[in-house]
Amino acid sequence: MVKEVAFIAYSVRDVPAATAFYRDTMGFTPGNLFSDHWAEFDVGGVAFGIGNGEPLGIIPGTSFSATFEVDDVAAERQRLLDLGVPVTEVHDSPVCFSAFVTDPEGNRFGIHERKPH
């Protein structure tokens, strides 16, 4: 039986460059594990890791599963666009707003804002 999320990991070829993107551009808090081959960040109590997954069959630039909660999707989207980061338009659903960001290696992730109940 699954008891919790252990971590989310994205495959990248250039761990130092990806580390800089997630730390400096996205503002993620570095976790305890850091090297030139693997880095982890603490995102709301969940570990988000980056490393070269090619030996495991995970091709860098193909990940798209993580979505991160933000206070204001439109403002975060604009901040990222101003930094030259590719971001989709904001999608409006009955329960949330979301947009999708592409990291420097081509991995995609969501930014998400829950609507008030």
PDB file of N, CA and C in Angstrom:
ATOM      1  N   MET A   1       0.840  -1.174   0.000  1.00  0.00           N
ATOM      2  CA  MET A   1       0.000   0.000   0.000  1.00  0.00           C
ATOM      3  C   MET A   1       0.891   1.245   0.000  1.00  0.00           C
ATOM      4  N   VAL A   2       0.561   2.220  -0.824  1.00  0.00           N
ATOM      5  CA  VAL A   2       1.299   3.487  -0.884  1.00  0.00           C
ATOM      6  C   VAL A   2       0.925   4.309   0.347  1.00  0.00           C
ATOM      7  N   LYS A   3       1.943   4.857   1.007  1.00  0.00           N
ATOM      8  CA  LYS A   3       1.664   5.658   2.201  1.00  0.00           C
ATOM      9  C   LYS A   3       1.936   7.143   2.022  1.00  0.00           C
ATOM     10  N   GLU A   4       2.782   7.512   1.035  1.00  0.00           N
ATOM     11  CA  GLU A   4       3.067   8.924   0.780  1.00  0.00           C
ATOM     12  C   GLU A   4       3.865   9.054  -0.503  1.00  0.00           C
ATOM     13  N   VAL A   5       4.019  10.290  -0.983  1.00  0.00           N
ATOM     14  CA  VAL A   5       4.870  10.544  -2.136  1.00  0.00           C
ATOM     15  C   VAL A   5       6.319  10.584  -1.637  1.00  0.00           C
ATOM     16  N   ALA A   6       7.178   9.740  -2.189  1.00  0.00           N
ATOM     17  CA  ALA A   6       8.585   9.720  -1.795  1.00  0.00           C
ATOM     18  C   ALA A   6       9.314  10.920  -2.381  1.00  0.00           C
ATOM     19  N   PHE A   7       9.158  11.133  -3.687  1.00  0.00           N
ATOM     20  CA  PHE A   7       9.753  12.281  -4.359  1.00  0.00           C
ATOM     21  C   PHE A   7       9.213  12.341  -5.772  1.00  0.00           C
ATOM     22  N   ILE A   8       9.420  13.468  -6.420  1.00  0.00           N
ATOM     23  CA  ILE A   8       9.162  13.664  -7.843  1.00  0.00           C
ATOM     24  C   ILE A   8      10.529  13.926  -8.454  1.00  0.00           C
ATOM     25  N   ALA A   9      10.832  13.304  -9.585  1.00  0.00           N
ATOM     26  CA  ALA A   9      12.139  13.504 -10.203  1.00  0.00           C
ATOM     27  C   ALA A   9      11.992  13.783 -11.686  1.00  0.00           C
ATOM     28  N   TYR A  10      12.810  14.703 -12.174  1.00  0.00           N
ATOM     29  CA  TYR A  10      12.877  15.025 -13.591  1.00  0.00           C
ATOM     30  C   TYR A  10      14.267  14.701 -14.098  1.00  0.00           C
ATOM     31  N   SER A  11      14.325  14.171 -15.312  1.00  0.00           N
ATOM     32  CA  SER A  11      15.604  13.816 -15.915  1.00  0.00           C
ATOM     33  C   SER A  11      16.163  15.003 -16.697  1.00  0.00           C
ATOM     34  N   VAL A  12      17.429  15.328 -16.398  1.00  0.00           N
ATOM     35  CA  VAL A  12      18.138  16.418 -17.074  1.00  0.00           C
ATOM     36  C   VAL A  12      19.553  15.958 -17.394  1.00  0.00           C
ATOM     37  N   ARG A  13      20.150  16.519 -18.424  1.00  0.00           N
ATOM     38  CA  ARG A  13      21.548  16.205 -18.744  1.00  0.00           C
ATOM     39  C   ARG A  13      22.513  17.111 -17.978  1.00  0.00           C
ATOM     40  N   ASP A  14      22.151  18.376 -17.813  1.00  0.00           N
ATOM     41  CA  ASP A  14      23.025  19.366 -17.180  1.00  0.00           C
ATOM     42  C   ASP A  14      22.470  19.703 -15.791  1.00  0.00           C
ATOM     43  N   VAL A  15      22.872  18.917 -14.801  1.00  0.00           N
ATOM     44  CA  VAL A  15      22.348  19.101 -13.442  1.00  0.00           C
ATOM     45  C   VAL A  15      22.689  20.483 -12.877  1.00  0.00           C
ATOM     46  N   PRO A  16      23.929  20.984 -13.005  1.00  0.00           N
ATOM     47  CA  PRO A  16      24.202  22.331 -12.472  1.00  0.00           C
ATOM     48  C   PRO A  16      23.323  23.423 -13.102  1.00  0.00           C
ATOM     49  N   ALA A  17      23.104  23.377 -14.408  1.00  0.00           N
ATOM     50  CA  ALA A  17      22.254  24.393 -15.056  1.00  0.00           C
ATOM     51  C   ALA A  17      20.800  24.240 -14.607  1.00  0.00           C
ATOM     52  N   ALA A  18      20.322  23.003 -14.517  1.00  0.00           N
ATOM     53  CA  ALA A  18      18.953  22.774 -14.058  1.00  0.00           C
ATOM     54  C   ALA A  18      18.795  23.193 -12.601  1.00  0.00           C
ATOM     55  N   THR A  19      19.825  22.952 -11.792  1.00  0.00           N
ATOM     56  CA  THR A  19      19.806  23.378 -10.392  1.00  0.00           C
ATOM     57  C   THR A  19      19.652  24.889 -10.314  1.00  0.00           C
ATOM     58  N   ALA A  20      20.411  25.612 -11.116  1.00  0.00           N
ATOM     59  CA  ALA A  20      20.319  27.077 -11.130  1.00  0.00           C
ATOM     60  C   ALA A  20      18.919  27.525 -11.540  1.00  0.00           C
ATOM     61  N   PHE A  21      18.321  26.873 -12.553  1.00  0.00           N
ATOM     62  CA  PHE A  21      16.977  27.247 -12.996  1.00  0.00           C
ATOM     63  C   PHE A  21      15.965  27.051 -11.875  1.00  0.00           C
ATOM     64  N   TYR A  22      15.937  25.867 -11.275  1.00  0.00           N
ATOM     65  CA  TYR A  22      14.925  25.595 -10.252  1.00  0.00           C
ATOM     66  C   TYR A  22      15.182  26.384  -8.968  1.00  0.00           C
ATOM     67  N   ARG A  23      16.435  26.629  -8.625  1.00  0.00           N
ATOM     68  CA  ARG A  23      16.759  27.401  -7.422  1.00  0.00           C
ATOM     69  C   ARG A  23      16.560  28.898  -7.667  1.00  0.00           C
ATOM     70  N   ASP A  24      17.161  29.428  -8.737  1.00  0.00           N
ATOM     71  CA  ASP A  24      17.189  30.877  -8.945  1.00  0.00           C
ATOM     72  C   ASP A  24      15.966  31.418  -9.670  1.00  0.00           C
ATOM     73  N   THR A  25      15.522  30.739 -10.707  1.00  0.00           N
ATOM     74  CA  THR A  25      14.373  31.228 -11.479  1.00  0.00           C
ATOM     75  C   THR A  25      13.055  30.864 -10.810  1.00  0.00           C
ATOM     76  N   MET A  26      12.934  29.587 -10.380  1.00  0.00           N
ATOM     77  CA  MET A  26      11.684  29.138  -9.771  1.00  0.00           C
ATOM     78  C   MET A  26      11.624  29.422  -8.271  1.00  0.00           C
ATOM     79  N   GLY A  27      12.774  29.644  -7.642  1.00  0.00           N
ATOM     80  CA  GLY A  27      12.795  29.966  -6.220  1.00  0.00           C
ATOM     81  C   GLY A  27      12.640  28.768  -5.301  1.00  0.00           C
ATOM     82  N   PHE A  28      12.945  27.562  -5.778  1.00  0.00           N
ATOM     83  CA  PHE A  28      12.825  26.367  -4.951  1.00  0.00           C
ATOM     84  C   PHE A  28      13.902  26.354  -3.867  1.00  0.00           C
ATOM     85  N   THR A  29      13.557  25.832  -2.718  1.00  0.00           N
ATOM     86  CA  THR A  29      14.482  25.725  -1.593  1.00  0.00           C
ATOM     87  C   THR A  29      15.334  24.472  -1.735  1.00  0.00           C
ATOM     88  N   PRO A  30      16.671  24.638  -1.779  1.00  0.00           N
ATOM     89  CA  PRO A  30      17.531  23.456  -1.888  1.00  0.00           C
ATOM     90  C   PRO A  30      17.321  22.514  -0.712  1.00  0.00           C
ATOM     91  N   GLY A  31      17.322  21.207  -1.010  1.00  0.00           N
ATOM     92  CA  GLY A  31      17.206  20.182   0.024  1.00  0.00           C
ATOM     93  C   GLY A  31      18.581  19.761   0.509  1.00  0.00           C
ATOM     94  N   ASN A  32      18.651  18.571   1.065  1.00  0.00           N
ATOM     95  CA  ASN A  32      19.888  18.083   1.665  1.00  0.00           C
ATOM     96  C   ASN A  32      20.830  17.429   0.672  1.00  0.00           C
ATOM     97  N   LEU A  33      20.324  16.914  -0.429  1.00  0.00           N
ATOM     98  CA  LEU A  33      21.159  16.181  -1.377  1.00  0.00           C
ATOM     99  C   LEU A  33      21.497  17.047  -2.578  1.00  0.00           C
ATOM    100  N   PHE A  34      22.798  17.318  -2.750  1.00  0.00           N
ATOM    101  CA  PHE A  34      23.244  18.135  -3.868  1.00  0.00           C
ATOM    102  C   PHE A  34      24.575  17.631  -4.378  1.00  0.00           C
ATOM    103  N   SER A  35      24.689  17.428  -5.686  1.00  0.00           N
ATOM    104  CA  SER A  35      25.957  17.088  -6.315  1.00  0.00           C
ATOM    105  C   SER A  35      25.858  17.502  -7.775  1.00  0.00           C
ATOM    106  N   ASP A  36      26.886  17.201  -8.556  1.00  0.00           N
ATOM    107  CA  ASP A  36      26.831  17.486  -9.988  1.00  0.00           C
ATOM    108  C   ASP A  36      25.970  16.470 -10.732  1.00  0.00           C
ATOM    109  N   HIS A  37      25.489  15.435 -10.016  1.00  0.00           N
ATOM    110  CA  HIS A  37      24.717  14.368 -10.655  1.00  0.00           C
ATOM    111  C   HIS A  37      23.274  14.300 -10.173  1.00  0.00           C
ATOM    112  N   TRP A  38      22.961  14.896  -9.022  1.00  0.00           N
ATOM    113  CA  TRP A  38      21.617  14.831  -8.447  1.00  0.00           C
ATOM    114  C   TRP A  38      21.430  16.021  -7.524  1.00  0.00           C
ATOM    115  N   ALA A  39      20.264  16.628  -7.583  1.00  0.00           N
ATOM    116  CA  ALA A  39      19.933  17.720  -6.664  1.00  0.00           C
ATOM    117  C   ALA A  39      18.481  17.570  -6.243  1.00  0.00           C
ATOM    118  N   GLU A  40      18.211  17.868  -4.987  1.00  0.00           N
ATOM    119  CA  GLU A  40      16.844  17.825  -4.478  1.00  0.00           C
ATOM    120  C   GLU A  40      16.460  19.178  -3.907  1.00  0.00           C
ATOM    121  N   PHE A  41      15.188  19.477  -4.027  1.00  0.00           N
ATOM    122  CA  PHE A  41      14.608  20.696  -3.481  1.00  0.00           C
ATOM    123  C   PHE A  41      13.422  20.308  -2.610  1.00  0.00           C
ATOM    124  N   ASP A  42      13.158  21.108  -1.587  1.00  0.00           N
ATOM    125  CA  ASP A  42      11.989  20.900  -0.744  1.00  0.00           C
ATOM    126  C   ASP A  42      10.895  21.828  -1.254  1.00  0.00           C
ATOM    127  N   VAL A  43       9.830  21.242  -1.772  1.00  0.00           N
ATOM    128  CA  VAL A  43       8.715  22.023  -2.299  1.00  0.00           C
ATOM    129  C   VAL A  43       7.475  21.646  -1.483  1.00  0.00           C
ATOM    130  N   GLY A  44       7.199  22.447  -0.473  1.00  0.00           N
ATOM    131  CA  GLY A  44       6.035  22.184   0.364  1.00  0.00           C
ATOM    132  C   GLY A  44       6.077  20.848   1.069  1.00  0.00           C
ATOM    133  N   GLY A  45       7.256  20.414   1.467  1.00  0.00           N
ATOM    134  CA  GLY A  45       7.384  19.143   2.170  1.00  0.00           C
ATOM    135  C   GLY A  45       7.558  17.936   1.269  1.00  0.00           C
ATOM    136  N   VAL A  46       7.567  18.139  -0.043  1.00  0.00           N
ATOM    137  CA  VAL A  46       7.787  17.045  -0.998  1.00  0.00           C
ATOM    138  C   VAL A  46       9.132  17.282  -1.688  1.00  0.00           C
ATOM    139  N   ALA A  47       9.921  16.242  -1.801  1.00  0.00           N
ATOM    140  CA  ALA A  47      11.217  16.360  -2.474  1.00  0.00           C
ATOM    141  C   ALA A  47      11.018  16.353  -3.985  1.00  0.00           C
ATOM    142  N   PHE A  48      11.607  17.339  -4.654  1.00  0.00           N
ATOM    143  CA  PHE A  48      11.630  17.422  -6.112  1.00  0.00           C
ATOM    144  C   PHE A  48      13.087  17.283  -6.509  1.00  0.00           C
ATOM    145  N   GLY A  49      13.416  16.223  -7.246  1.00  0.00           N
ATOM    146  CA  GLY A  49      14.795  15.952  -7.609  1.00  0.00           C
ATOM    147  C   GLY A  49      15.047  16.083  -9.096  1.00  0.00           C
ATOM    148  N   ILE A  50      16.302  16.409  -9.431  1.00  0.00           N
ATOM    149  CA  ILE A  50      16.733  16.449 -10.819  1.00  0.00           C
ATOM    150  C   ILE A  50      18.046  15.697 -10.945  1.00  0.00           C
ATOM    151  N   GLY A  51      18.149  14.901 -11.981  1.00  0.00           N
ATOM    152  CA  GLY A  51      19.363  14.139 -12.237  1.00  0.00           C
ATOM    153  C   GLY A  51      19.247  13.498 -13.607  1.00  0.00           C
ATOM    154  N   ASN A  52      20.339  12.945 -14.101  1.00  0.00           N
ATOM    155  CA  ASN A  52      20.302  12.314 -15.423  1.00  0.00           C
ATOM    156  C   ASN A  52      19.705  10.914 -15.293  1.00  0.00           C
ATOM    157  N   GLY A  53      18.508  10.759 -15.812  1.00  0.00           N
ATOM    158  CA  GLY A  53      17.807   9.480 -15.735  1.00  0.00           C
ATOM    159  C   GLY A  53      18.033   8.581 -16.930  1.00  0.00           C
ATOM    160  N   GLU A  54      18.924   8.970 -17.843  1.00  0.00           N
ATOM    161  CA  GLU A  54      19.160   8.155 -19.038  1.00  0.00           C
ATOM    162  C   GLU A  54      19.519   6.707 -18.716  1.00  0.00           C
ATOM    163  N   PRO A  55      20.378   6.435 -17.710  1.00  0.00           N
ATOM    164  CA  PRO A  55      20.677   5.031 -17.404  1.00  0.00           C
ATOM    165  C   PRO A  55      19.446   4.229 -16.963  1.00  0.00           C
ATOM    166  N   LEU A  56      18.405   4.922 -16.507  1.00  0.00           N
ATOM    167  CA  LEU A  56      17.160   4.271 -16.093  1.00  0.00           C
ATOM    168  C   LEU A  56      16.129   4.256 -17.213  1.00  0.00           C
ATOM    169  N   GLY A  57      16.479   4.793 -18.371  1.00  0.00           N
ATOM    170  CA  GLY A  57      15.561   4.844 -19.502  1.00  0.00           C
ATOM    171  C   GLY A  57      14.668   6.072 -19.516  1.00  0.00           C
ATOM    172  N   ILE A  58      14.982   7.071 -18.697  1.00  0.00           N
ATOM    173  CA  ILE A  58      14.183   8.300 -18.641  1.00  0.00           C
ATOM    174  C   ILE A  58      14.947   9.377 -19.404  1.00  0.00           C
ATOM    175  N   ILE A  59      14.467   9.709 -20.567  1.00  0.00           N
ATOM    176  CA  ILE A  59      15.165  10.640 -21.451  1.00  0.00           C
ATOM    177  C   ILE A  59      14.990  12.069 -20.950  1.00  0.00           C
ATOM    178  N   PRO A  60      16.091  12.812 -20.756  1.00  0.00           N
ATOM    179  CA  PRO A  60      15.977  14.211 -20.350  1.00  0.00           C
ATOM    180  C   PRO A  60      15.097  15.006 -21.314  1.00  0.00           C
ATOM    181  N   GLY A  61      14.338  15.915 -20.744  1.00  0.00           N
ATOM    182  CA  GLY A  61      13.471  16.766 -21.550  1.00  0.00           C
ATOM    183  C   GLY A  61      12.112  16.175 -21.849  1.00  0.00           C
ATOM    184  N   THR A  62      11.789  14.989 -21.287  1.00  0.00           N
ATOM    185  CA  THR A  62      10.508  14.357 -21.577  1.00  0.00           C
ATOM    186  C   THR A  62       9.573  14.314 -20.377  1.00  0.00           C
ATOM    187  N   SER A  63      10.009  14.833 -19.232  1.00  0.00           N
ATOM    188  CA  SER A  63       9.181  14.770 -18.028  1.00  0.00           C
ATOM    189  C   SER A  63       8.061  15.801 -18.086  1.00  0.00           C
ATOM    190  N   PHE A  64       6.894  15.404 -17.571  1.00  0.00           N
ATOM    191  CA  PHE A  64       5.763  16.315 -17.456  1.00  0.00           C
ATOM    192  C   PHE A  64       4.754  15.708 -16.502  1.00  0.00           C
ATOM    193  N   SER A  65       5.010  15.891 -15.214  1.00  0.00           N
ATOM    194  CA  SER A  65       4.084  15.336 -14.245  1.00  0.00           C
ATOM    195  C   SER A  65       3.896  16.221 -13.028  1.00  0.00           C
ATOM    196  N   ALA A  66       4.841  17.057 -12.709  1.00  0.00           N
ATOM    197  CA  ALA A  66       4.738  17.884 -11.509  1.00  0.00           C
ATOM    198  C   ALA A  66       3.917  19.139 -11.793  1.00  0.00           C
ATOM    199  N   THR A  67       3.133  19.529 -10.807  1.00  0.00           N
ATOM    200  CA  THR A  67       2.418  20.797 -10.853  1.00  0.00           C
ATOM    201  C   THR A  67       2.591  21.453  -9.494  1.00  0.00           C
ATOM    202  N   PHE A  68       2.958  22.722  -9.489  1.00  0.00           N
ATOM    203  CA  PHE A  68       3.284  23.429  -8.267  1.00  0.00           C
ATOM    204  C   PHE A  68       2.254  24.524  -7.992  1.00  0.00           C
ATOM    205  N   GLU A  69       1.776  24.579  -6.747  1.00  0.00           N
ATOM    206  CA  GLU A  69       0.779  25.561  -6.333  1.00  0.00           C
ATOM    207  C   GLU A  69       1.432  26.932  -6.174  1.00  0.00           C
ATOM    208  N   VAL A  70       0.782  27.965  -6.702  1.00  0.00           N
ATOM    209  CA  VAL A  70       1.233  29.354  -6.548  1.00  0.00           C
ATOM    210  C   VAL A  70       0.055  30.197  -6.073  1.00  0.00           C
ATOM    211  N   ASP A  71       0.347  31.388  -5.569  1.00  0.00           N
ATOM    212  CA  ASP A  71      -0.726  32.272  -5.097  1.00  0.00           C
ATOM    213  C   ASP A  71      -1.495  32.916  -6.243  1.00  0.00           C
ATOM    214  N   ASP A  72      -0.800  33.220  -7.347  1.00  0.00           N
ATOM    215  CA  ASP A  72      -1.406  33.950  -8.456  1.00  0.00           C
ATOM    216  C   ASP A  72      -0.776  33.467  -9.762  1.00  0.00           C
ATOM    217  N   VAL A  73      -1.476  32.587 -10.472  1.00  0.00           N
ATOM    218  CA  VAL A  73      -0.932  32.010 -11.706  1.00  0.00           C
ATOM    219  C   VAL A  73      -0.593  33.088 -12.726  1.00  0.00           C
ATOM    220  N   ALA A  74      -1.473  34.054 -12.897  1.00  0.00           N
ATOM    221  CA  ALA A  74      -1.230  35.089 -13.914  1.00  0.00           C
ATOM    222  C   ALA A  74       0.043  35.886 -13.597  1.00  0.00           C
ATOM    223  N   ALA A  75       0.234  36.241 -12.334  1.00  0.00           N
ATOM    224  CA  ALA A  75       1.423  37.000 -11.953  1.00  0.00           C
ATOM    225  C   ALA A  75       2.688  36.153 -12.102  1.00  0.00           C
ATOM    226  N   GLU A  76       2.627  34.888 -11.696  1.00  0.00           N
ATOM    227  CA  GLU A  76       3.797  34.014 -11.824  1.00  0.00           C
ATOM    228  C   GLU A  76       4.111  33.769 -13.298  1.00  0.00           C
ATOM    229  N   ARG A  77       3.082  33.591 -14.111  1.00  0.00           N
ATOM    230  CA  ARG A  77       3.287  33.418 -15.553  1.00  0.00           C
ATOM    231  C   ARG A  77       4.017  34.630 -16.127  1.00  0.00           C
ATOM    232  N   GLN A  78       3.561  35.824 -15.775  1.00  0.00           N
ATOM    233  CA  GLN A  78       4.190  37.036 -16.300  1.00  0.00           C
ATOM    234  C   GLN A  78       5.626  37.175 -15.821  1.00  0.00           C
ATOM    235  N   ARG A  79       5.893  36.840 -14.552  1.00  0.00           N
ATOM    236  CA  ARG A  79       7.258  36.907 -14.021  1.00  0.00           C
ATOM    237  C   ARG A  79       8.181  35.995 -14.818  1.00  0.00           C
ATOM    238  N   LEU A  80       7.711  34.783 -15.102  1.00  0.00           N
ATOM    239  CA  LEU A  80       8.519  33.835 -15.865  1.00  0.00           C
ATOM    240  C   LEU A  80       8.702  34.295 -17.310  1.00  0.00           C
ATOM    241  N   LEU A  81       7.651  34.801 -17.935  1.00  0.00           N
ATOM    242  CA  LEU A  81       7.769  35.321 -19.301  1.00  0.00           C
ATOM    243  C   LEU A  81       8.787  36.457 -19.360  1.00  0.00           C
ATOM    244  N   ASP A  82       8.760  37.335 -18.347  1.00  0.00           N
ATOM    245  CA  ASP A  82       9.713  38.449 -18.298  1.00  0.00           C
ATOM    246  C   ASP A  82      11.154  37.958 -18.209  1.00  0.00           C
ATOM    247  N   LEU A  83      11.351  36.750 -17.670  1.00  0.00           N
ATOM    248  CA  LEU A  83      12.681  36.141 -17.576  1.00  0.00           C
ATOM    249  C   LEU A  83      13.030  35.312 -18.818  1.00  0.00           C
ATOM    250  N   GLY A  84      12.112  35.275 -19.791  1.00  0.00           N
ATOM    251  CA  GLY A  84      12.353  34.532 -21.024  1.00  0.00           C
ATOM    252  C   GLY A  84      12.024  33.053 -20.940  1.00  0.00           C
ATOM    253  N   VAL A  85      11.277  32.656 -19.915  1.00  0.00           N
ATOM    254  CA  VAL A  85      10.905  31.250 -19.738  1.00  0.00           C
ATOM    255  C   VAL A  85       9.620  30.980 -20.520  1.00  0.00           C
ATOM    256  N   PRO A  86       9.575  29.906 -21.325  1.00  0.00           N
ATOM    257  CA  PRO A  86       8.348  29.584 -22.066  1.00  0.00           C
ATOM    258  C   PRO A  86       7.217  29.138 -21.126  1.00  0.00           C
ATOM    259  N   VAL A  87       6.059  29.788 -21.258  1.00  0.00           N
ATOM    260  CA  VAL A  87       4.888  29.470 -20.441  1.00  0.00           C
ATOM    261  C   VAL A  87       3.653  29.568 -21.329  1.00  0.00           C
ATOM    262  N   THR A  88       2.734  28.611 -21.188  1.00  0.00           N
ATOM    263  CA  THR A  88       1.496  28.648 -21.960  1.00  0.00           C
ATOM    264  C   THR A  88       0.576  29.749 -21.441  1.00  0.00           C
ATOM    265  N   GLU A  89      -0.497  29.954 -22.159  1.00  0.00           N
ATOM    266  CA  GLU A  89      -1.564  30.815 -21.657  1.00  0.00           C
ATOM    267  C   GLU A  89      -2.148  30.184 -20.392  1.00  0.00           C
ATOM    268  N   VAL A  90      -2.858  30.971 -19.598  1.00  0.00           N
ATOM    269  CA  VAL A  90      -3.518  30.463 -18.398  1.00  0.00           C
ATOM    270  C   VAL A  90      -4.809  29.756 -18.819  1.00  0.00           C
ATOM    271  N   HIS A  91      -4.993  28.559 -18.308  1.00  0.00           N
ATOM    272  CA  HIS A  91      -6.196  27.778 -18.556  1.00  0.00           C
ATOM    273  C   HIS A  91      -7.121  27.941 -17.353  1.00  0.00           C
ATOM    274  N   ASP A  92      -8.399  28.168 -17.627  1.00  0.00           N
ATOM    275  CA  ASP A  92      -9.398  28.383 -16.584  1.00  0.00           C
ATOM    276  C   ASP A  92     -10.310  27.162 -16.531  1.00  0.00           C
ATOM    277  N   SER A  93     -10.325  26.475 -15.391  1.00  0.00           N
ATOM    278  CA  SER A  93     -11.245  25.355 -15.212  1.00  0.00           C
ATOM    279  C   SER A  93     -12.219  25.719 -14.102  1.00  0.00           C
ATOM    280  N   PRO A  94     -13.235  24.918 -13.876  1.00  0.00           N
ATOM    281  CA  PRO A  94     -14.189  25.258 -12.810  1.00  0.00           C
ATOM    282  C   PRO A  94     -13.565  25.351 -11.417  1.00  0.00           C
ATOM    283  N   VAL A  95     -12.442  24.671 -11.178  1.00  0.00           N
ATOM    284  CA  VAL A  95     -11.868  24.645  -9.831  1.00  0.00           C
ATOM    285  C   VAL A  95     -10.504  25.323  -9.713  1.00  0.00           C
ATOM    286  N   CYS A  96      -9.873  25.672 -10.846  1.00  0.00           N
ATOM    287  CA  CYS A  96      -8.514  26.216 -10.757  1.00  0.00           C
ATOM    288  C   CYS A  96      -8.116  26.975 -12.009  1.00  0.00           C
ATOM    289  N   PHE A  97      -6.972  27.644 -11.895  1.00  0.00           N
ATOM    290  CA  PHE A  97      -6.275  28.237 -13.030  1.00  0.00           C
ATOM    291  C   PHE A  97      -4.939  27.510 -13.136  1.00  0.00           C
ATOM    292  N   SER A  98      -4.458  27.269 -14.356  1.00  0.00           N
ATOM    293  CA  SER A  98      -3.161  26.619 -14.515  1.00  0.00           C
ATOM    294  C   SER A  98      -2.485  27.100 -15.794  1.00  0.00           C
ATOM    295  N   ALA A  99      -1.168  26.978 -15.794  1.00  0.00           N
ATOM    296  CA  ALA A  99      -0.358  27.256 -16.976  1.00  0.00           C
ATOM    297  C   ALA A  99       0.798  26.268 -16.945  1.00  0.00           C
ATOM    298  N   PHE A 100       1.443  26.082 -18.078  1.00  0.00           N
ATOM    299  CA  PHE A 100       2.479  25.058 -18.173  1.00  0.00           C
ATOM    300  C   PHE A 100       3.788  25.679 -18.640  1.00  0.00           C
ATOM    301  N   VAL A 101       4.833  25.353 -17.902  1.00  0.00           N
ATOM    302  CA  VAL A 101       6.153  25.960 -18.040  1.00  0.00           C
ATOM    303  C   VAL A 101       7.105  24.924 -18.635  1.00  0.00           C
ATOM    304  N   THR A 102       8.046  25.381 -19.465  1.00  0.00           N
ATOM    305  CA  THR A 102       9.072  24.500 -20.028  1.00  0.00           C
ATOM    306  C   THR A 102      10.423  24.913 -19.466  1.00  0.00           C
ATOM    307  N   ASP A 103      11.131  23.930 -18.848  1.00  0.00           N
ATOM    308  CA  ASP A 103      12.453  24.239 -18.291  1.00  0.00           C
ATOM    309  C   ASP A 103      13.488  24.246 -19.409  1.00  0.00           C
ATOM    310  N   PRO A 104      14.734  24.644 -19.123  1.00  0.00           N
ATOM    311  CA  PRO A 104      15.745  24.764 -20.179  1.00  0.00           C
ATOM    312  C   PRO A 104      16.053  23.461 -20.924  1.00  0.00           C
ATOM    313  N   GLU A 105      15.705  22.301 -20.360  1.00  0.00           N
ATOM    314  CA  GLU A 105      15.969  21.025 -21.025  1.00  0.00           C
ATOM    315  C   GLU A 105      14.762  20.495 -21.789  1.00  0.00           C
ATOM    316  N   GLY A 106      13.616  21.182 -21.672  1.00  0.00           N
ATOM    317  CA  GLY A 106      12.418  20.752 -22.379  1.00  0.00           C
ATOM    318  C   GLY A 106      11.401  20.033 -21.513  1.00  0.00           C
ATOM    319  N   ASN A 107      11.721  19.785 -20.235  1.00  0.00           N
ATOM    320  CA  ASN A 107      10.739  19.206 -19.318  1.00  0.00           C
ATOM    321  C   ASN A 107       9.644  20.229 -19.070  1.00  0.00           C
ATOM    322  N   ARG A 108       8.420  19.745 -18.880  1.00  0.00           N
ATOM    323  CA  ARG A 108       7.304  20.656 -18.621  1.00  0.00           C
ATOM    324  C   ARG A 108       6.726  20.392 -17.245  1.00  0.00           C
ATOM    325  N   PHE A 109       6.247  21.458 -16.608  1.00  0.00           N
ATOM    326  CA  PHE A 109       5.547  21.323 -15.336  1.00  0.00           C
ATOM    327  C   PHE A 109       4.466  22.382 -15.272  1.00  0.00           C
ATOM    328  N   GLY A 110       3.518  22.167 -14.388  1.00  0.00           N
ATOM    329  CA  GLY A 110       2.417  23.105 -14.255  1.00  0.00           C
ATOM    330  C   GLY A 110       2.607  24.043 -13.091  1.00  0.00           C
ATOM    331  N   ILE A 111       2.022  25.230 -13.230  1.00  0.00           N
ATOM    332  CA  ILE A 111       1.812  26.116 -12.093  1.00  0.00           C
ATOM    333  C   ILE A 111       0.305  26.212 -11.943  1.00  0.00           C
ATOM    334  N   HIS A 112      -0.167  26.257 -10.710  1.00  0.00           N
ATOM    335  CA  HIS A 112      -1.571  26.008 -10.417  1.00  0.00           C
ATOM    336  C   HIS A 112      -2.052  26.933  -9.310  1.00  0.00           C
ATOM    337  N   GLU A 113      -3.280  27.420  -9.467  1.00  0.00           N
ATOM    338  CA  GLU A 113      -3.901  28.258  -8.428  1.00  0.00           C
ATOM    339  C   GLU A 113      -5.323  27.757  -8.205  1.00  0.00           C
ATOM    340  N   ARG A 114      -5.581  27.269  -7.004  1.00  0.00           N
ATOM    341  CA  ARG A 114      -6.934  26.806  -6.669  1.00  0.00           C
ATOM    342  C   ARG A 114      -7.869  27.996  -6.563  1.00  0.00           C
ATOM    343  N   LYS A 115      -9.101  27.830  -7.062  1.00  0.00           N
ATOM    344  CA  LYS A 115     -10.134  28.856  -6.886  1.00  0.00           C
ATOM    345  C   LYS A 115     -10.749  28.699  -5.504  1.00  0.00           C
ATOM    346  N   PRO A 116     -11.182  29.801  -4.904  1.00  0.00           N
ATOM    347  CA  PRO A 116     -11.865  29.689  -3.603  1.00  0.00           C
ATOM    348  C   PRO A 116     -13.128  28.833  -3.735  1.00  0.00           C
ATOM    349  N   HIS A 117     -13.421  28.102  -2.696  1.00  0.00           N
ATOM    350  CA  HIS A 117     -14.625  27.228  -2.722  1.00  0.00           C
ATOM    351  C   HIS A 117     -15.866  28.026  -2.591  1.00  0.00           C
TER     352      HIS A 117
END
